[in-house]
Protein backbone atom coordinates (compact mmCIF):
# COMPACT_ATOMS: atom_id res chain seq x y z
CA MET A 1 -20.85 -7.09 10.57
CA HIS A 2 -18.17 -6.23 13.97
CA ILE A 3 -16.70 -2.83 14.13
CA LYS A 4 -13.65 -1.50 15.32
CA LEU A 5 -13.60 1.77 17.11
CA ASN A 6 -11.46 4.60 18.34
CA GLU A 7 -11.79 6.32 21.73
CA GLN A 8 -14.52 8.65 20.21
CA ASN A 9 -16.18 5.89 19.09
CA GLU A 10 -15.48 6.59 15.23
CA LEU A 11 -14.95 3.54 13.52
CA LEU A 12 -11.40 2.46 12.20
CA ALA A 13 -12.63 -1.16 10.53
CA TYR A 14 -15.29 -3.39 10.31
CA ALA A 15 -15.84 -6.89 9.32
CA ASN A 16 -18.15 -8.85 7.04
CA VAL A 17 -17.62 -12.02 7.89
CA GLY A 18 -16.22 -13.05 10.81
CA SER A 19 -14.64 -10.86 14.04
CA ILE A 20 -12.12 -8.10 14.87
CA GLU A 21 -10.46 -8.35 17.89
CA GLY A 22 -11.57 -5.76 20.31
CA GLY A 23 -14.71 -4.92 17.98
CA ILE A 24 -18.69 -5.37 18.65
CA GLU A 25 -21.33 -7.28 16.72
CA VAL A 26 -23.55 -4.64 15.13
CA ASN A 27 -27.03 -5.44 13.28
CA GLN A 28 -26.52 -4.54 9.67
CA ASN A 29 -29.90 -3.23 10.02
CA ASN A 30 -28.38 -0.21 11.99
CA PHE A 31 -26.11 1.06 8.86
CA PRO A 32 -26.33 3.47 7.07
CA GLU A 33 -26.95 2.66 3.19
CA LYS A 34 -24.28 2.27 0.88
CA PHE A 35 -21.79 2.05 4.24
CA VAL A 36 -19.06 -0.40 2.76
CA GLU A 37 -18.91 1.87 -0.75
CA ASN A 38 -18.51 5.28 1.39
CA PHE A 39 -16.17 3.29 3.85
CA LYS A 40 -13.36 5.50 4.95
CA PRO A 41 -11.67 5.34 8.46
CA LEU A 42 -13.02 7.80 10.95
CA TYR A 43 -15.73 8.82 8.35
CA TYR A 44 -18.35 7.10 10.47
CA VAL A 45 -19.44 7.30 14.25
CA PHE A 46 -20.90 4.72 16.26
CA LYS A 47 -24.37 6.08 18.61
CA ASN A 48 -27.17 5.17 20.14
CA ASN A 49 -26.43 1.70 18.39
CA THR A 50 -26.36 3.14 15.04
CA VAL A 51 -23.66 3.74 12.63
CA LEU A 52 -23.89 7.38 11.35
CA VAL A 53 -21.93 9.90 9.39
CA ASN A 54 -19.55 11.37 11.65
CA ALA A 55 -20.60 14.87 11.46
CA ASN A 56 -16.93 15.61 13.09
CA TYR A 57 -15.14 13.97 9.75
CA LYS A 58 -12.60 16.04 7.88
CA GLU A 59 -10.96 14.78 4.90
CA PRO A 60 -7.20 13.83 5.96
CA GLU A 61 -4.64 16.02 4.17
CA GLU A 62 -2.50 13.86 1.60
CA GLU A 63 1.32 15.48 3.42
CA VAL A 64 -0.33 15.27 6.88
CA PHE A 65 0.83 12.05 8.82
CA ASP A 66 -0.61 13.28 12.54
CA ASN A 67 -2.80 9.70 13.52
CA ILE A 68 -0.12 7.10 13.32
CA VAL A 69 -1.86 5.30 16.03
CA SER A 70 -5.17 4.19 13.61
CA ILE A 71 -3.31 3.51 10.90
CA LYS A 72 -1.09 0.78 13.01
CA ASP A 73 -4.56 -0.15 14.11
CA ILE A 74 -5.85 -0.65 10.39
CA ILE A 75 -3.11 -2.61 9.79
CA ILE A 76 -3.27 -5.02 13.05
CA VAL A 77 -7.03 -4.98 12.14
CA ASN A 78 -6.20 -6.41 8.52
CA GLU A 79 -3.57 -8.67 9.61
CA GLU A 80 -6.44 -10.53 11.84
CA LEU A 81 -8.43 -10.20 8.85
CA LEU A 82 -6.14 -12.12 6.83
CA ILE A 83 -5.52 -14.64 9.29
CA GLN A 84 -9.56 -15.41 9.82
CA THR A 85 -9.48 -16.28 6.01
CA ALA A 86 -6.65 -18.24 6.17
CA LYS A 87 -8.34 -20.54 8.62
CA LEU A 88 -11.92 -20.54 6.75
CA ILE A 89 -10.07 -21.30 3.67
CA ASN A 90 -8.42 -23.96 5.75
CA ARG A 91 -11.40 -25.15 6.82
CA ILE A 92 -13.10 -25.23 3.39
CA GLU A 93 -10.03 -27.53 2.04
CA LYS A 94 -10.78 -29.85 4.63
CA LEU A 95 -14.69 -30.61 4.32
CA GLU A 96 -13.60 -30.56 0.36
CA ASN A 97 -11.58 -33.36 1.03
CA GLU A 98 -13.91 -35.14 3.27
CA GLY A 99 -16.55 -35.01 0.63
CA GLY A 100 -18.46 -32.85 3.25
CA VAL A 101 -18.87 -30.09 1.07
């Protein structure tokens, strides 16, 4: 699984398939149970090659938008994932048309 971190090693995003530009590969055994179900940006931190619940995490206040940079990072990561998904779909369609699948 690929993860994208900020300067404090807090997780901004993750990808089960493909990779994230500027992200790192982490073995799935190094994630807590129910990681995907509980994921929120900054809720997890990467320490000693392991993903842990961030002891410093605070729920964001609903009306406060202090962290615009991390929101931009999340948008960029989502765009990258969409591009990767489109490429994978194109590859699958090409293989199907060639009779390889």
